[in-house]
PDB file of N, CA and C in Angstrom:
ATOM      1  N   GLN A   1     -15.408  28.131  -9.484  1.00  0.00           N
ATOM      2  CA  GLN A   1     -15.220  28.298  -8.043  1.00  0.00           C
ATOM      3  C   GLN A   1     -14.191  27.298  -7.549  1.00  0.00           C
ATOM      4  N   VAL A   2     -13.269  27.748  -6.712  1.00  0.00           N
ATOM      5  CA  VAL A   2     -12.219  26.889  -6.200  1.00  0.00           C
ATOM      6  C   VAL A   2     -12.782  25.949  -5.142  1.00  0.00           C
ATOM      7  N   ARG A   3     -12.401  24.687  -5.231  1.00  0.00           N
ATOM      8  CA  ARG A   3     -12.807  23.708  -4.224  1.00  0.00           C
ATOM      9  C   ARG A   3     -11.610  23.380  -3.342  1.00  0.00           C
ATOM     10  N   LEU A   4     -11.906  23.108  -2.074  1.00  0.00           N
ATOM     11  CA  LEU A   4     -10.882  22.656  -1.140  1.00  0.00           C
ATOM     12  C   LEU A   4     -11.105  21.176  -0.884  1.00  0.00           C
ATOM     13  N   VAL A   5     -10.037  20.400  -0.949  1.00  0.00           N
ATOM     14  CA  VAL A   5     -10.143  18.956  -0.775  1.00  0.00           C
ATOM     15  C   VAL A   5      -9.241  18.528   0.374  1.00  0.00           C
ATOM     16  N   GLU A   6      -9.873  17.905   1.390  1.00  0.00           N
ATOM     17  CA  GLU A   6      -9.123  17.411   2.534  1.00  0.00           C
ATOM     18  C   GLU A   6      -8.738  15.956   2.319  1.00  0.00           C
ATOM     19  N   SER A   7      -7.634  15.541   2.930  1.00  0.00           N
ATOM     20  CA  SER A   7      -7.214  14.139   2.913  1.00  0.00           C
ATOM     21  C   SER A   7      -6.443  13.841   4.189  1.00  0.00           C
ATOM     22  N   GLY A   8      -6.273  12.555   4.469  1.00  0.00           N
ATOM     23  CA  GLY A   8      -5.457  12.138   5.600  1.00  0.00           C
ATOM     24  C   GLY A   8      -6.222  11.702   6.837  1.00  0.00           C
ATOM     25  N   GLY A   9      -7.531  11.769   6.786  1.00  0.00           N
ATOM     26  CA  GLY A   9      -8.302  11.345   7.942  1.00  0.00           C
ATOM     27  C   GLY A   9      -8.384   9.833   8.050  1.00  0.00           C
ATOM     28  N   GLY A  10      -9.104   9.376   9.062  1.00  0.00           N
ATOM     29  CA  GLY A  10      -9.283   7.948   9.226  1.00  0.00           C
ATOM     30  C   GLY A  10      -9.431   7.560  10.669  1.00  0.00           C
ATOM     31  N   LEU A  11      -9.219   6.280  10.917  1.00  0.00           N
ATOM     32  CA  LEU A  11      -9.332   5.703  12.251  1.00  0.00           C
ATOM     33  C   LEU A  11      -7.939   5.514  12.843  1.00  0.00           C
ATOM     34  N   VAL A  12      -7.774   5.963  14.074  1.00  0.00           N
ATOM     35  CA  VAL A  12      -6.481   5.823  14.747  1.00  0.00           C
ATOM     36  C   VAL A  12      -6.732   5.521  16.209  1.00  0.00           C
ATOM     37  N   GLN A  13      -5.814   4.813  16.822  1.00  0.00           N
ATOM     38  CA  GLN A  13      -5.936   4.489  18.240  1.00  0.00           C
ATOM     39  C   GLN A  13      -5.531   5.690  19.088  1.00  0.00           C
ATOM     40  N   PRO A  14      -6.048   5.770  20.297  1.00  0.00           N
ATOM     41  CA  PRO A  14      -5.613   6.842  21.209  1.00  0.00           C
ATOM     42  C   PRO A  14      -4.099   6.852  21.351  1.00  0.00           C
ATOM     43  N   GLY A  15      -3.550   8.058  21.312  1.00  0.00           N
ATOM     44  CA  GLY A  15      -2.099   8.216  21.361  1.00  0.00           C
ATOM     45  C   GLY A  15      -1.437   8.237  20.003  1.00  0.00           C
ATOM     46  N   GLY A  16      -2.189   7.917  18.980  1.00  0.00           N
ATOM     47  CA  GLY A  16      -1.636   7.876  17.635  1.00  0.00           C
ATOM     48  C   GLY A  16      -1.591   9.244  16.973  1.00  0.00           C
ATOM     49  N   SER A  17      -1.178   9.241  15.712  1.00  0.00           N
ATOM     50  CA  SER A  17      -1.009  10.485  14.963  1.00  0.00           C
ATOM     51  C   SER A  17      -1.673  10.393  13.599  1.00  0.00           C
ATOM     52  N   LEU A  18      -2.092  11.539  13.110  1.00  0.00           N
ATOM     53  CA  LEU A  18      -2.583  11.680  11.748  1.00  0.00           C
ATOM     54  C   LEU A  18      -2.130  13.028  11.213  1.00  0.00           C
ATOM     55  N   ARG A  19      -2.012  13.113   9.896  1.00  0.00           N
ATOM     56  CA  ARG A  19      -1.679  14.380   9.259  1.00  0.00           C
ATOM     57  C   ARG A  19      -2.742  14.688   8.209  1.00  0.00           C
ATOM     58  N   LEU A  20      -3.457  15.753   8.433  1.00  0.00           N
ATOM     59  CA  LEU A  20      -4.476  16.189   7.487  1.00  0.00           C
ATOM     60  C   LEU A  20      -3.861  17.164   6.483  1.00  0.00           C
ATOM     61  N   SER A  21      -4.318  17.047   5.254  1.00  0.00           N
ATOM     62  CA  SER A  21      -3.889  17.967   4.200  1.00  0.00           C
ATOM     63  C   SER A  21      -5.115  18.570   3.538  1.00  0.00           C
ATOM     64  N   CYS A  22      -4.951  19.786   3.084  1.00  0.00           N
ATOM     65  CA  CYS A  22      -6.034  20.476   2.378  1.00  0.00           C
ATOM     66  C   CYS A  22      -5.425  21.211   1.190  1.00  0.00           C
ATOM     67  N   THR A  23      -5.941  20.903   0.031  1.00  0.00           N
ATOM     68  CA  THR A  23      -5.409  21.508  -1.192  1.00  0.00           C
ATOM     69  C   THR A  23      -6.541  22.133  -1.990  1.00  0.00           C
ATOM     70  N   ALA A  24      -6.260  23.309  -2.541  1.00  0.00           N
ATOM     71  CA  ALA A  24      -7.252  23.983  -3.374  1.00  0.00           C
ATOM     72  C   ALA A  24      -7.149  23.502  -4.812  1.00  0.00           C
ATOM     73  N   SER A  25      -8.281  23.490  -5.476  1.00  0.00           N
ATOM     74  CA  SER A  25      -8.310  23.016  -6.860  1.00  0.00           C
ATOM     75  C   SER A  25      -7.804  24.061  -7.841  1.00  0.00           C
ATOM     76  N   GLY A  26      -7.605  25.286  -7.364  1.00  0.00           N
ATOM     77  CA  GLY A  26      -7.117  26.340  -8.233  1.00  0.00           C
ATOM     78  C   GLY A  26      -6.327  27.361  -7.441  1.00  0.00           C
ATOM     79  N   ILE A  27      -6.022  28.452  -8.094  1.00  0.00           N
ATOM     80  CA  ILE A  27      -5.255  29.504  -7.435  1.00  0.00           C
ATOM     81  C   ILE A  27      -6.195  30.393  -6.625  1.00  0.00           C
ATOM     82  N   ILE A  28      -5.767  30.711  -5.419  1.00  0.00           N
ATOM     83  CA  ILE A  28      -6.527  31.610  -4.563  1.00  0.00           C
ATOM     84  C   ILE A  28      -5.668  32.831  -4.268  1.00  0.00           C
ATOM     85  N   HIS A  29      -6.168  33.987  -4.651  1.00  0.00           N
ATOM     86  CA  HIS A  29      -5.435  35.226  -4.427  1.00  0.00           C
ATOM     87  C   HIS A  29      -5.885  35.890  -3.134  1.00  0.00           C
ATOM     88  N   GLY A  30      -4.989  36.598  -2.496  1.00  0.00           N
ATOM     89  CA  GLY A  30      -5.347  37.390  -1.331  1.00  0.00           C
ATOM     90  C   GLY A  30      -5.655  36.585  -0.091  1.00  0.00           C
ATOM     91  N   ILE A  31      -4.944  35.478   0.100  1.00  0.00           N
ATOM     92  CA  ILE A  31      -5.190  34.653   1.289  1.00  0.00           C
ATOM     93  C   ILE A  31      -4.809  35.431   2.537  1.00  0.00           C
ATOM     94  N   ARG A  32      -5.723  35.468   3.475  1.00  0.00           N
ATOM     95  CA  ARG A  32      -5.462  36.125   4.764  1.00  0.00           C
ATOM     96  C   ARG A  32      -5.207  35.104   5.859  1.00  0.00           C
ATOM     97  N   THR A  33      -6.073  34.075   5.904  1.00  0.00           N
ATOM     98  CA  THR A  33      -5.953  33.073   6.961  1.00  0.00           C
ATOM     99  C   THR A  33      -6.332  31.711   6.404  1.00  0.00           C
ATOM    100  N   MET A  34      -5.632  30.689   6.872  1.00  0.00           N
ATOM    101  CA  MET A  34      -6.010  29.308   6.591  1.00  0.00           C
ATOM    102  C   MET A  34      -6.211  28.613   7.926  1.00  0.00           C
ATOM    103  N   GLY A  35      -7.106  27.662   7.943  1.00  0.00           N
ATOM    104  CA  GLY A  35      -7.355  27.033   9.233  1.00  0.00           C
ATOM    105  C   GLY A  35      -8.058  25.708   9.150  1.00  0.00           C
ATOM    106  N   TRP A  36      -8.105  25.056  10.290  1.00  0.00           N
ATOM    107  CA  TRP A  36      -8.817  23.789  10.454  1.00  0.00           C
ATOM    108  C   TRP A  36      -9.875  23.958  11.543  1.00  0.00           C
ATOM    109  N   TYR A  37     -11.041  23.413  11.292  1.00  0.00           N
ATOM    110  CA  TYR A  37     -12.156  23.433  12.217  1.00  0.00           C
ATOM    111  C   TYR A  37     -12.667  22.011  12.350  1.00  0.00           C
ATOM    112  N   ARG A  38     -13.415  21.765  13.389  1.00  0.00           N
ATOM    113  CA  ARG A  38     -13.985  20.431  13.557  1.00  0.00           C
ATOM    114  C   ARG A  38     -15.359  20.515  14.163  1.00  0.00           C
ATOM    115  N   GLN A  39     -16.142  19.477  13.873  1.00  0.00           N
ATOM    116  CA  GLN A  39     -17.485  19.385  14.422  1.00  0.00           C
ATOM    117  C   GLN A  39     -17.763  17.946  14.802  1.00  0.00           C
ATOM    118  N   ALA A  40     -18.027  17.755  16.073  1.00  0.00           N
ATOM    119  CA  ALA A  40     -18.375  16.433  16.583  1.00  0.00           C
ATOM    120  C   ALA A  40     -19.898  16.306  16.589  1.00  0.00           C
ATOM    121  N   PRO A  41     -20.422  15.085  16.568  1.00  0.00           N
ATOM    122  CA  PRO A  41     -21.876  14.898  16.567  1.00  0.00           C
ATOM    123  C   PRO A  41     -22.530  15.600  17.747  1.00  0.00           C
ATOM    124  N   GLY A  42     -23.552  16.372  17.463  1.00  0.00           N
ATOM    125  CA  GLY A  42     -24.288  17.062  18.513  1.00  0.00           C
ATOM    126  C   GLY A  42     -23.622  18.307  19.055  1.00  0.00           C
ATOM    127  N   LYS A  43     -22.492  18.683  18.455  1.00  0.00           N
ATOM    128  CA  LYS A  43     -21.770  19.857  18.923  1.00  0.00           C
ATOM    129  C   LYS A  43     -21.628  20.879  17.799  1.00  0.00           C
ATOM    130  N   GLU A  44     -21.337  22.108  18.175  1.00  0.00           N
ATOM    131  CA  GLU A  44     -21.114  23.155  17.188  1.00  0.00           C
ATOM    132  C   GLU A  44     -19.711  23.037  16.597  1.00  0.00           C
ATOM    133  N   ARG A  45     -19.571  23.580  15.394  1.00  0.00           N
ATOM    134  CA  ARG A  45     -18.258  23.604  14.767  1.00  0.00           C
ATOM    135  C   ARG A  45     -17.339  24.538  15.560  1.00  0.00           C
ATOM    136  N   GLU A  46     -16.109  24.096  15.776  1.00  0.00           N
ATOM    137  CA  GLU A  46     -15.171  24.892  16.541  1.00  0.00           C
ATOM    138  C   GLU A  46     -13.846  25.035  15.795  1.00  0.00           C
ATOM    139  N   SER A  47     -13.159  26.122  16.081  1.00  0.00           N
ATOM    140  CA  SER A  47     -11.848  26.347  15.497  1.00  0.00           C
ATOM    141  C   SER A  47     -10.820  25.482  16.205  1.00  0.00           C
ATOM    142  N   VAL A  48      -9.984  24.819  15.422  1.00  0.00           N
ATOM    143  CA  VAL A  48      -8.927  23.974  15.972  1.00  0.00           C
ATOM    144  C   VAL A  48      -7.579  24.692  15.893  1.00  0.00           C
ATOM    145  N   ALA A  49      -7.256  25.179  14.692  1.00  0.00           N
ATOM    146  CA  ALA A  49      -5.966  25.839  14.492  1.00  0.00           C
ATOM    147  C   ALA A  49      -6.060  26.753  13.280  1.00  0.00           C
ATOM    148  N   THR A  50      -5.367  27.873  13.360  1.00  0.00           N
ATOM    149  CA  THR A  50      -5.350  28.820  12.247  1.00  0.00           C
ATOM    150  C   THR A  50      -3.929  29.313  12.005  1.00  0.00           C
ATOM    151  N   ILE A  51      -3.691  29.753  10.783  1.00  0.00           N
ATOM    152  CA  ILE A  51      -2.407  30.335  10.438  1.00  0.00           C
ATOM    153  C   ILE A  51      -2.661  31.496   9.491  1.00  0.00           C
ATOM    154  N   THR A  52      -2.042  32.627   9.783  1.00  0.00           N
ATOM    155  CA  THR A  52      -2.245  33.803   8.950  1.00  0.00           C
ATOM    156  C   THR A  52      -1.234  33.831   7.806  1.00  0.00           C
ATOM    157  N   SER A  53      -1.439  34.751   6.901  1.00  0.00           N
ATOM    158  CA  SER A  53      -0.502  34.887   5.789  1.00  0.00           C
ATOM    159  C   SER A  53       0.894  35.272   6.273  1.00  0.00           C
ATOM    160  N   GLY A  54       0.959  35.860   7.456  1.00  0.00           N
ATOM    161  CA  GLY A  54       2.259  36.216   8.025  1.00  0.00           C
ATOM    162  C   GLY A  54       2.891  35.113   8.842  1.00  0.00           C
ATOM    163  N   GLY A  55       2.179  33.997   8.966  1.00  0.00           N
ATOM    164  CA  GLY A  55       2.737  32.848   9.673  1.00  0.00           C
ATOM    165  C   GLY A  55       2.361  32.751  11.141  1.00  0.00           C
ATOM    166  N   THR A  56       1.520  33.657  11.599  1.00  0.00           N
ATOM    167  CA  THR A  56       1.086  33.589  12.994  1.00  0.00           C
ATOM    168  C   THR A  56       0.072  32.466  13.156  1.00  0.00           C
ATOM    169  N   THR A  57       0.306  31.632  14.154  1.00  0.00           N
ATOM    170  CA  THR A  57      -0.584  30.503  14.386  1.00  0.00           C
ATOM    171  C   THR A  57      -1.387  30.692  15.663  1.00  0.00           C
ATOM    172  N   GLY A  58      -2.523  30.025  15.697  1.00  0.00           N
ATOM    173  CA  GLY A  58      -3.377  30.030  16.875  1.00  0.00           C
ATOM    174  C   GLY A  58      -4.004  28.666  17.047  1.00  0.00           C
ATOM    175  N   TYR A  59      -4.201  28.239  18.282  1.00  0.00           N
ATOM    176  CA  TYR A  59      -4.708  26.908  18.569  1.00  0.00           C
ATOM    177  C   TYR A  59      -5.778  26.957  19.648  1.00  0.00           C
ATOM    178  N   ALA A  60      -6.707  26.041  19.530  1.00  0.00           N
ATOM    179  CA  ALA A  60      -7.655  25.834  20.615  1.00  0.00           C
ATOM    180  C   ALA A  60      -6.894  25.284  21.815  1.00  0.00           C
ATOM    181  N   ASP A  61      -7.324  25.644  22.999  1.00  0.00           N
ATOM    182  CA  ASP A  61      -6.633  25.184  24.210  1.00  0.00           C
ATOM    183  C   ASP A  61      -6.570  23.662  24.260  1.00  0.00           C
ATOM    184  N   SER A  62      -7.589  23.010  23.749  1.00  0.00           N
ATOM    185  CA  SER A  62      -7.680  21.554  23.847  1.00  0.00           C
ATOM    186  C   SER A  62      -6.646  20.831  22.987  1.00  0.00           C
ATOM    187  N   VAL A  63      -6.030  21.539  22.032  1.00  0.00           N
ATOM    188  CA  VAL A  63      -5.078  20.868  21.141  1.00  0.00           C
ATOM    189  C   VAL A  63      -3.672  21.432  21.252  1.00  0.00           C
ATOM    190  N   LYS A  64      -3.497  22.462  22.041  1.00  0.00           N
ATOM    191  CA  LYS A  64      -2.166  23.068  22.173  1.00  0.00           C
ATOM    192  C   LYS A  64      -1.144  22.032  22.646  1.00  0.00           C
ATOM    193  N   GLY A  65      -0.007  22.047  21.987  1.00  0.00           N
ATOM    194  CA  GLY A  65       1.056  21.113  22.336  1.00  0.00           C
ATOM    195  C   GLY A  65       0.926  19.761  21.670  1.00  0.00           C
ATOM    196  N   ARG A  66      -0.223  19.509  21.029  1.00  0.00           N
ATOM    197  CA  ARG A  66      -0.431  18.219  20.354  1.00  0.00           C
ATOM    198  C   ARG A  66      -0.588  18.385  18.842  1.00  0.00           C
ATOM    199  N   PHE A  67      -1.197  19.472  18.433  1.00  0.00           N
ATOM    200  CA  PHE A  67      -1.458  19.705  17.006  1.00  0.00           C
ATOM    201  C   PHE A  67      -0.554  20.824  16.499  1.00  0.00           C
ATOM    202  N   THR A  68      -0.167  20.723  15.235  1.00  0.00           N
ATOM    203  CA  THR A  68       0.637  21.761  14.596  1.00  0.00           C
ATOM    204  C   THR A  68       0.077  22.067  13.218  1.00  0.00           C
ATOM    205  N   ILE A  69      -0.207  23.327  12.973  1.00  0.00           N
ATOM    206  CA  ILE A  69      -0.702  23.748  11.668  1.00  0.00           C
ATOM    207  C   ILE A  69       0.446  24.344  10.867  1.00  0.00           C
ATOM    208  N   SER A  70       0.447  24.069   9.589  1.00  0.00           N
ATOM    209  CA  SER A  70       1.417  24.676   8.685  1.00  0.00           C
ATOM    210  C   SER A  70       0.731  24.886   7.344  1.00  0.00           C
ATOM    211  N   GLY A  71       1.316  25.727   6.526  1.00  0.00           N
ATOM    212  CA  GLY A  71       0.666  25.983   5.256  1.00  0.00           C
ATOM    213  C   GLY A  71       1.565  26.680   4.266  1.00  0.00           C
ATOM    214  N   ASP A  72       1.121  26.660   3.037  1.00  0.00           N
ATOM    215  CA  ASP A  72       1.824  27.335   1.956  1.00  0.00           C
ATOM    216  C   ASP A  72       0.793  28.184   1.224  1.00  0.00           C
ATOM    217  N   GLY A  73       0.810  29.466   1.495  1.00  0.00           N
ATOM    218  CA  GLY A  73      -0.186  30.352   0.895  1.00  0.00           C
ATOM    219  C   GLY A  73      -0.103  30.403  -0.609  1.00  0.00           C
ATOM    220  N   ALA A  74       1.108  30.326  -1.141  1.00  0.00           N
ATOM    221  CA  ALA A  74       1.281  30.387  -2.589  1.00  0.00           C
ATOM    222  C   ALA A  74       0.626  29.197  -3.275  1.00  0.00           C
ATOM    223  N   LYS A  75       0.596  28.089  -2.592  1.00  0.00           N
ATOM    224  CA  LYS A  75      -0.006  26.871  -3.150  1.00  0.00           C
ATOM    225  C   LYS A  75      -1.404  26.626  -2.591  1.00  0.00           C
ATOM    226  N   ALA A  76      -1.859  27.505  -1.703  1.00  0.00           N
ATOM    227  CA  ALA A  76      -3.176  27.340  -1.074  1.00  0.00           C
ATOM    228  C   ALA A  76      -3.308  25.944  -0.496  1.00  0.00           C
ATOM    229  N   THR A  77      -2.312  25.573   0.282  1.00  0.00           N
ATOM    230  CA  THR A  77      -2.286  24.256   0.918  1.00  0.00           C
ATOM    231  C   THR A  77      -2.069  24.446   2.408  1.00  0.00           C
ATOM    232  N   VAL A  78      -2.824  23.706   3.191  1.00  0.00           N
ATOM    233  CA  VAL A  78      -2.680  23.803   4.639  1.00  0.00           C
ATOM    234  C   VAL A  78      -2.696  22.392   5.231  1.00  0.00           C
ATOM    235  N   TYR A  79      -1.877  22.201   6.256  1.00  0.00           N
ATOM    236  CA  TYR A  79      -1.726  20.898   6.888  1.00  0.00           C
ATOM    237  C   TYR A  79      -2.042  20.994   8.375  1.00  0.00           C
ATOM    238  N   LEU A  80      -2.406  19.867   8.943  1.00  0.00           N
ATOM    239  CA  LEU A  80      -2.600  19.774  10.377  1.00  0.00           C
ATOM    240  C   LEU A  80      -1.978  18.468  10.849  1.00  0.00           C
ATOM    241  N   GLN A  81      -0.874  18.579  11.566  1.00  0.00           N
ATOM    242  CA  GLN A  81      -0.243  17.410  12.175  1.00  0.00           C
ATOM    243  C   GLN A  81      -0.857  17.205  13.548  1.00  0.00           C
ATOM    244  N   MET A  82      -1.452  16.045  13.746  1.00  0.00           N
ATOM    245  CA  MET A  82      -2.137  15.755  14.993  1.00  0.00           C
ATOM    246  C   MET A  82      -1.439  14.607  15.696  1.00  0.00           C
ATOM    247  N   ASN A  83      -0.886  14.875  16.861  1.00  0.00           N
ATOM    248  CA  ASN A  83      -0.194  13.864  17.660  1.00  0.00           C
ATOM    249  C   ASN A  83      -0.933  13.640  18.974  1.00  0.00           C
ATOM    250  N   SER A  84      -0.613  12.556  19.619  1.00  0.00           N
ATOM    251  CA  SER A  84      -1.213  12.222  20.925  1.00  0.00           C
ATOM    252  C   SER A  84      -2.728  12.357  20.866  1.00  0.00           C
ATOM    253  N   LEU A  85      -3.309  11.779  19.857  1.00  0.00           N
ATOM    254  CA  LEU A  85      -4.747  11.915  19.659  1.00  0.00           C
ATOM    255  C   LEU A  85      -5.543  11.267  20.777  1.00  0.00           C
ATOM    256  N   LYS A  86      -6.663  11.898  21.096  1.00  0.00           N
ATOM    257  CA  LYS A  86      -7.551  11.439  22.158  1.00  0.00           C
ATOM    258  C   LYS A  86      -8.925  11.132  21.575  1.00  0.00           C
ATOM    259  N   PRO A  87      -9.696  10.294  22.236  1.00  0.00           N
ATOM    260  CA  PRO A  87     -11.054  10.018  21.743  1.00  0.00           C
ATOM    261  C   PRO A  87     -11.877  11.285  21.545  1.00  0.00           C
ATOM    262  N   GLU A  88     -11.662  12.277  22.375  1.00  0.00           N
ATOM    263  CA  GLU A  88     -12.427  13.518  22.243  1.00  0.00           C
ATOM    264  C   GLU A  88     -12.035  14.346  21.022  1.00  0.00           C
ATOM    265  N   ASP A  89     -10.988  13.926  20.319  1.00  0.00           N
ATOM    266  CA  ASP A  89     -10.624  14.579  19.056  1.00  0.00           C
ATOM    267  C   ASP A  89     -11.464  14.050  17.899  1.00  0.00           C
ATOM    268  N   THR A  90     -12.241  13.031  18.142  1.00  0.00           N
ATOM    269  CA  THR A  90     -13.086  12.463  17.096  1.00  0.00           C
ATOM    270  C   THR A  90     -14.082  13.495  16.596  1.00  0.00           C
ATOM    271  N   ALA A  91     -14.071  13.724  15.299  1.00  0.00           N
ATOM    272  CA  ALA A  91     -14.944  14.739  14.707  1.00  0.00           C
ATOM    273  C   ALA A  91     -14.748  14.734  13.199  1.00  0.00           C
ATOM    274  N   ASN A  92     -15.598  15.503  12.542  1.00  0.00           N
ATOM    275  CA  ASN A  92     -15.397  15.797  11.132  1.00  0.00           C
ATOM    276  C   ASN A  92     -14.548  17.066  11.064  1.00  0.00           C
ATOM    277  N   TYR A  93     -13.444  17.017  10.355  1.00  0.00           N
ATOM    278  CA  TYR A  93     -12.521  18.141  10.290  1.00  0.00           C
ATOM    279  C   TYR A  93     -12.655  18.856   8.940  1.00  0.00           C
ATOM    280  N   TYR A  94     -12.718  20.171   9.007  1.00  0.00           N
ATOM    281  CA  TYR A  94     -12.892  21.000   7.822  1.00  0.00           C
ATOM    282  C   TYR A  94     -11.727  21.973   7.681  1.00  0.00           C
ATOM    283  N   CYS A  95     -11.255  22.149   6.469  1.00  0.00           N
ATOM    284  CA  CYS A  95     -10.284  23.208   6.248  1.00  0.00           C
ATOM    285  C   CYS A  95     -11.009  24.436   5.715  1.00  0.00           C
ATOM    286  N   ARG A  96     -10.386  25.560   5.931  1.00  0.00           N
ATOM    287  CA  ARG A  96     -10.959  26.838   5.518  1.00  0.00           C
ATOM    288  C   ARG A  96      -9.843  27.749   5.039  1.00  0.00           C
ATOM    289  N   ILE A  97     -10.084  28.408   3.918  1.00  0.00           N
ATOM    290  CA  ILE A  97      -9.151  29.414   3.424  1.00  0.00           C
ATOM    291  C   ILE A  97      -9.923  30.710   3.248  1.00  0.00           C
ATOM    292  N   LEU A  98      -9.530  31.705   4.010  1.00  0.00           N
ATOM    293  CA  LEU A  98     -10.187  33.009   3.977  1.00  0.00           C
ATOM    294  C   LEU A  98      -9.358  33.946   3.128  1.00  0.00           C
ATOM    295  N   ALA A  99      -9.913  34.328   1.995  1.00  0.00           N
ATOM    296  CA  ALA A  99      -9.243  35.246   1.082  1.00  0.00           C
ATOM    297  C   ALA A  99     -10.277  36.297   0.676  1.00  0.00           C
ATOM    298  N   PHE A 100     -10.315  36.650  -0.591  1.00  0.00           N
ATOM    299  CA  PHE A 100     -11.390  37.534  -1.039  1.00  0.00           C
ATOM    300  C   PHE A 100     -12.718  36.814  -0.919  1.00  0.00           C
ATOM    301  N   ARG A 101     -12.654  35.496  -0.990  1.00  0.00           N
ATOM    302  CA  ARG A 101     -13.815  34.655  -0.723  1.00  0.00           C
ATOM    303  C   ARG A 101     -13.488  33.753   0.462  1.00  0.00           C
ATOM    304  N   ASP A 102     -14.536  33.273   1.083  1.00  0.00           N
ATOM    305  CA  ASP A 102     -14.401  32.376   2.221  1.00  0.00           C
ATOM    306  C   ASP A 102     -14.702  30.973   1.725  1.00  0.00           C
ATOM    307  N   SER A 103     -13.665  30.111   1.651  1.00  0.00           N
ATOM    308  CA  SER A 103     -13.814  28.770   1.092  1.00  0.00           C
ATOM    309  C   SER A 103     -13.656  27.711   2.167  1.00  0.00           C
ATOM    310  N   TRP A 104     -14.533  26.703   2.092  1.00  0.00           N
ATOM    311  CA  TRP A 104     -14.507  25.597   3.045  1.00  0.00           C
ATOM    312  C   TRP A 104     -14.425  24.279   2.282  1.00  0.00           C
ATOM    313  N   GLY A 105     -13.718  23.320   2.900  1.00  0.00           N
ATOM    314  CA  GLY A 105     -13.738  21.981   2.372  1.00  0.00           C
ATOM    315  C   GLY A 105     -15.001  21.263   2.800  1.00  0.00           C
ATOM    316  N   GLN A 106     -15.199  20.065   2.275  1.00  0.00           N
ATOM    317  CA  GLN A 106     -16.396  19.310   2.595  1.00  0.00           C
ATOM    318  C   GLN A 106     -16.261  18.514   3.882  1.00  0.00           C
ATOM    319  N   GLY A 107     -15.062  18.431   4.416  1.00  0.00           N
ATOM    320  CA  GLY A 107     -14.861  17.752   5.677  1.00  0.00           C
ATOM    321  C   GLY A 107     -14.317  16.352   5.515  1.00  0.00           C
ATOM    322  N   ILE A 108     -13.576  15.926   6.519  1.00  0.00           N
ATOM    323  CA  ILE A 108     -13.024  14.577   6.528  1.00  0.00           C
ATOM    324  C   ILE A 108     -13.118  14.038   7.949  1.00  0.00           C
ATOM    325  N   GLN A 109     -13.472  12.773   8.058  1.00  0.00           N
ATOM    326  CA  GLN A 109     -13.701  12.165   9.365  1.00  0.00           C
ATOM    327  C   GLN A 109     -12.386  11.722  10.004  1.00  0.00           C
ATOM    328  N   VAL A 110     -12.267  12.067  11.283  1.00  0.00           N
ATOM    329  CA  VAL A 110     -11.176  11.565  12.119  1.00  0.00           C
ATOM    330  C   VAL A 110     -11.817  10.851  13.301  1.00  0.00           C
ATOM    331  N   THR A 111     -11.483   9.591  13.479  1.00  0.00           N
ATOM    332  CA  THR A 111     -12.026   8.797  14.574  1.00  0.00           C
ATOM    333  C   THR A 111     -10.879   8.259  15.403  1.00  0.00           C
ATOM    334  N   VAL A 112     -10.918   8.578  16.688  1.00  0.00           N
ATOM    335  CA  VAL A 112      -9.888   8.106  17.619  1.00  0.00           C
ATOM    336  C   VAL A 112     -10.549   7.115  18.560  1.00  0.00           C
ATOM    337  N   SER A 113     -10.178   5.858  18.403  1.00  0.00           N
ATOM    338  CA  SER A 113     -10.840   4.808  19.168  1.00  0.00           C
ATOM    339  C   SER A 113      -9.950   3.574  19.223  1.00  0.00           C
ATOM    340  N   SER A 114     -10.062   2.864  20.332  1.00  0.00           N
ATOM    341  CA  SER A 114      -9.332   1.607  20.453  1.00  0.00           C
ATOM    342  C   SER A 114     -10.203   0.441  20.015  1.00  0.00           C
TER     343      SER A 114
END
């Protein structure tokens, strides 16, 4: 079974930037959508940004203009560039690759705090 591994999280001050990466441990065929989701303590998991195999992107209203998703379907790799980070962006971030199977990473912590 293919595993997804996230990297790039950590602690950053408000207004700072982070770049999350997600890489699959093997080849994934038939990728339809790749995306990033997040879950803050006491809240439900929410979609942050998605990108389709055709390159169409979608963003949560709360991150539009600040976050940018990109990806390489052939390499099953997806990135999330996060700029102008706010304390409310603090959460565990998960990558997801939807293909013939629905694969999720284990999550990586992003903390925005001064």
